[in-house]
N, C-alpha and C. Protein backbone atom coordinates (compact mmCIF):
# COMPACT_ATOMS: atom_id res chain seq x y z
N MET A 1 0.88 -1.26 0.04
CA MET A 1 -0.14 0.31 -0.02
C MET A 1 0.92 1.10 -0.12
N GLN A 2 0.65 2.01 -0.87
CA GLN A 2 1.43 3.30 -1.14
C GLN A 2 0.66 4.52 0.42
N LYS A 3 1.90 5.04 0.89
CA LYS A 3 1.83 5.96 1.90
C LYS A 3 1.99 7.33 1.04
N ALA A 4 0.98 8.36 1.61
CA ALA A 4 1.07 9.32 1.38
C ALA A 4 2.37 10.24 1.87
N THR A 5 2.82 11.08 0.93
CA THR A 5 4.16 11.68 1.25
C THR A 5 4.06 12.72 2.47
N HIS A 6 3.18 13.49 2.27
CA HIS A 6 2.44 14.37 3.44
C HIS A 6 1.41 14.33 3.82
N GLY A 7 0.87 14.17 5.19
CA GLY A 7 -0.49 14.44 5.75
C GLY A 7 -0.89 12.66 5.78
N THR A 8 -2.42 12.95 6.23
CA THR A 8 -3.35 11.52 6.52
C THR A 8 -3.70 11.49 4.72
N PRO A 9 -3.89 10.32 4.43
CA PRO A 9 -4.69 9.86 3.34
C PRO A 9 -6.30 10.15 3.69
N THR A 10 -7.07 10.61 2.78
CA THR A 10 -8.44 10.78 3.11
C THR A 10 -9.09 9.70 2.83
N GLU A 11 -9.97 9.37 3.07
CA GLU A 11 -11.11 8.40 2.82
C GLU A 11 -10.89 7.92 1.81
N SER A 12 -11.53 8.99 0.88
CA SER A 12 -11.60 8.64 -0.62
C SER A 12 -10.10 7.85 -1.25
N GLU A 13 -9.16 8.35 -0.81
CA GLU A 13 -7.72 8.03 -1.26
C GLU A 13 -7.40 6.65 -0.82
N GLU A 14 -7.99 6.55 0.19
CA GLU A 14 -7.85 5.06 0.91
C GLU A 14 -8.47 4.16 -0.05
N ASP A 15 -9.73 4.67 -0.34
CA ASP A 15 -10.55 3.46 -1.15
C ASP A 15 -9.89 3.29 -2.19
N VAL A 16 -9.23 4.35 -3.08
CA VAL A 16 -8.95 3.92 -4.43
C VAL A 16 -7.71 3.38 -4.11
N VAL A 17 -6.77 3.42 -3.14
CA VAL A 17 -5.76 2.40 -2.93
C VAL A 17 -6.21 0.96 -2.83
N ALA A 18 -7.67 0.90 -2.14
CA ALA A 18 -7.71 -0.37 -1.67
C ALA A 18 -8.29 -0.98 -2.92
N ASP A 19 -9.07 -0.18 -3.81
CA ASP A 19 -9.61 -0.71 -5.01
C ASP A 19 -8.70 -1.33 -5.91
N ARG A 20 -7.61 -0.62 -6.00
CA ARG A 20 -6.20 -0.83 -6.94
C ARG A 20 -5.29 -1.97 -6.23
N SER A 21 -5.78 -2.24 -5.11
CA SER A 21 -4.87 -3.19 -4.71
C SER A 21 -5.41 -4.78 -5.00
N THR A 22 -4.30 -5.83 -5.35
CA THR A 22 -4.57 -6.96 -5.60
C THR A 22 -4.82 -7.89 -3.92
N GLU A 23 -4.30 -7.41 -2.99
CA GLU A 23 -4.56 -8.13 -1.94
C GLU A 23 -5.90 -8.05 -1.32
N ASP A 24 -6.66 -9.19 -0.61
CA ASP A 24 -7.94 -9.39 -0.43
C ASP A 24 -8.07 -9.04 1.02
N PRO A 25 -8.77 -7.90 1.40
CA PRO A 25 -8.67 -8.13 3.13
C PRO A 25 -9.66 -8.75 3.71
N LEU A 26 -10.53 -9.91 3.02
CA LEU A 26 -10.99 -10.84 3.56
C LEU A 26 -10.63 -11.87 3.79
N PRO A 27 -10.85 -12.84 5.00
CA PRO A 27 -10.24 -14.35 4.71
C PRO A 27 -11.47 -15.12 3.87
N PRO A 28 -10.90 -16.01 3.40
CA PRO A 28 -11.91 -16.85 2.19
C PRO A 28 -12.93 -17.10 2.96
N GLU A 29 -13.18 -17.59 4.21
CA GLU A 29 -14.29 -18.13 4.93
C GLU A 29 -15.22 -16.94 5.19
N LYS A 30 -14.99 -15.65 4.91
CA LYS A 30 -15.85 -14.51 4.98
C LYS A 30 -16.46 -14.35 3.67
N HIS A 31 -15.86 -14.91 2.56
CA HIS A 31 -16.25 -14.47 1.17
C HIS A 31 -18.09 -15.31 1.16
N HIS A 32 -19.09 -14.62 0.51
CA HIS A 32 -20.09 -15.33 0.58
C HIS A 32 -20.66 -15.22 -0.91
N THR A 33 -21.27 -16.29 -1.54
CA THR A 33 -21.82 -16.27 -2.54
C THR A 33 -23.04 -15.93 -2.79
N ILE A 34 -23.68 -15.15 -3.59
CA ILE A 34 -24.88 -15.02 -3.56
C ILE A 34 -25.96 -15.87 -4.50
N GLN A 35 -26.87 -16.54 -4.33
CA GLN A 35 -27.56 -17.62 -5.22
C GLN A 35 -28.51 -16.95 -5.93
N MET A 36 -28.49 -16.82 -7.38
CA MET A 36 -29.65 -16.41 -8.34
C MET A 36 -30.16 -17.28 -9.09
N PRO A 37 -31.45 -17.35 -9.31
CA PRO A 37 -31.83 -17.92 -10.34
C PRO A 37 -31.51 -17.81 -11.58
N ALA A 38 -31.42 -18.82 -12.83
CA ALA A 38 -30.55 -18.70 -13.78
C ALA A 38 -30.99 -17.27 -14.76
N GLY A 39 -32.38 -16.81 -14.71
CA GLY A 39 -32.87 -16.12 -15.31
C GLY A 39 -32.09 -14.89 -14.96
N ASP A 40 -32.23 -14.62 -13.55
CA ASP A 40 -31.87 -13.43 -13.23
C ASP A 40 -30.24 -13.53 -13.09
N ALA A 41 -29.66 -14.37 -13.40
CA ALA A 41 -27.97 -14.22 -13.27
C ALA A 41 -27.37 -13.29 -14.19
N GLY A 42 -27.74 -12.58 -15.09
CA GLY A 42 -27.26 -11.42 -15.86
C GLY A 42 -27.14 -10.24 -15.25
N PRO A 43 -26.31 -9.59 -15.24
CA PRO A 43 -26.30 -8.08 -15.02
C PRO A 43 -27.28 -6.96 -15.85
N LYS A 44 -28.26 -6.66 -15.34
CA LYS A 44 -29.40 -5.56 -15.98
C LYS A 44 -28.57 -4.32 -15.81
N PRO A 45 -29.30 -3.92 -16.91
CA PRO A 45 -28.57 -2.80 -17.32
C PRO A 45 -28.99 -1.24 -16.55
N THR A 46 -28.18 -0.68 -16.34
CA THR A 46 -28.36 0.58 -15.13
C THR A 46 -29.47 1.48 -15.57
N GLU A 47 -30.36 2.53 -15.08
CA GLU A 47 -30.72 3.30 -15.64
C GLU A 47 -30.27 4.29 -16.68
N SER A 48 -28.99 4.88 -16.63
CA SER A 48 -28.31 5.45 -17.47
C SER A 48 -28.49 4.44 -19.00
N GLU A 49 -28.04 3.34 -18.71
CA GLU A 49 -27.61 2.52 -20.04
C GLU A 49 -29.06 2.23 -20.69
N GLU A 50 -30.02 2.26 -19.90
CA GLU A 50 -31.84 2.03 -20.42
C GLU A 50 -31.90 3.37 -21.07
N ASP A 51 -31.55 4.33 -20.50
CA ASP A 51 -31.78 5.84 -21.14
C ASP A 51 -31.12 5.98 -22.58
N VAL A 52 -29.91 5.59 -22.35
CA VAL A 52 -29.24 5.74 -23.83
C VAL A 52 -30.00 4.80 -24.71
N VAL A 53 -30.30 3.70 -24.49
CA VAL A 53 -31.09 2.95 -25.47
C VAL A 53 -32.55 3.46 -25.89
N ALA A 54 -33.01 4.25 -25.14
CA ALA A 54 -34.31 4.90 -25.39
C ALA A 54 -34.18 6.21 -26.18
N ASP A 55 -32.98 6.91 -25.95
CA ASP A 55 -32.70 7.82 -26.62
C ASP A 55 -32.21 7.58 -28.11
N ARG A 56 -31.60 6.39 -28.05
CA ARG A 56 -31.20 6.19 -29.77
C ARG A 56 -32.50 5.32 -30.40
N THR A 57 -33.55 4.81 -29.88
CA THR A 57 -34.48 3.93 -30.90
C THR A 57 -35.51 5.08 -31.27
N GLU A 58 -35.89 4.27 -32.22
CA GLU A 58 -36.65 5.52 -33.48
C GLU A 58 -38.27 5.47 -32.79
N ASP A 59 -38.48 4.34 -32.16
CA ASP A 59 -40.04 4.26 -31.17
C ASP A 59 -39.81 5.53 -30.19
N ASP A 60 -40.71 5.90 -30.29
CA ASP A 60 -41.13 7.07 -28.90
C ASP A 60 -42.51 6.82 -28.01
N PRO A 61 -42.31 5.95 -27.20
CA PRO A 61 -43.83 5.56 -26.77
C PRO A 61 -44.77 6.77 -26.31
N LEU A 62 -44.00 7.89 -26.16
CA LEU A 62 -45.10 8.88 -25.71
C LEU A 62 -45.30 9.81 -26.49
N ARG A 63 -45.02 9.73 -28.20
CA ARG A 63 -45.27 10.25 -29.37
C ARG A 63 -46.54 9.53 -29.95
N PRO A 64 -47.85 10.42 -30.44
CA PRO A 64 -48.83 9.43 -30.78
C PRO A 64 -48.27 8.73 -31.94
N LYS A 65 -49.23 7.76 -32.24
CA LYS A 65 -48.54 7.06 -33.83
C LYS A 65 -49.19 7.61 -34.83
N LYS A 66 -48.61 7.76 -35.93
CA LYS A 66 -49.04 8.32 -37.36
C LYS A 66 -50.46 7.59 -37.81
N MET A 67 -51.48 8.11 -38.16
CA MET A 67 -52.25 7.24 -38.85
C MET A 67 -52.01 7.36 -40.30
N PRO A 68 -52.01 6.22 -40.98
CA PRO A 68 -51.95 5.85 -42.57
C PRO A 68 -52.93 6.42 -43.33
């Protein structure tokens, strides 16, 4: 772990160092696996990702349909 050259590192700086570290602070017996059904195992898009998809689609659910 890198030490700051001056002063005490902030909590954010410590978090960044911990995130970049390859050391695992938890012992193996403390790791837990969350069991999920197969259908829900894939990651769901975030709200921002859903917004991007909605912005790029030609279909606007709020726009009235054109009558032929």
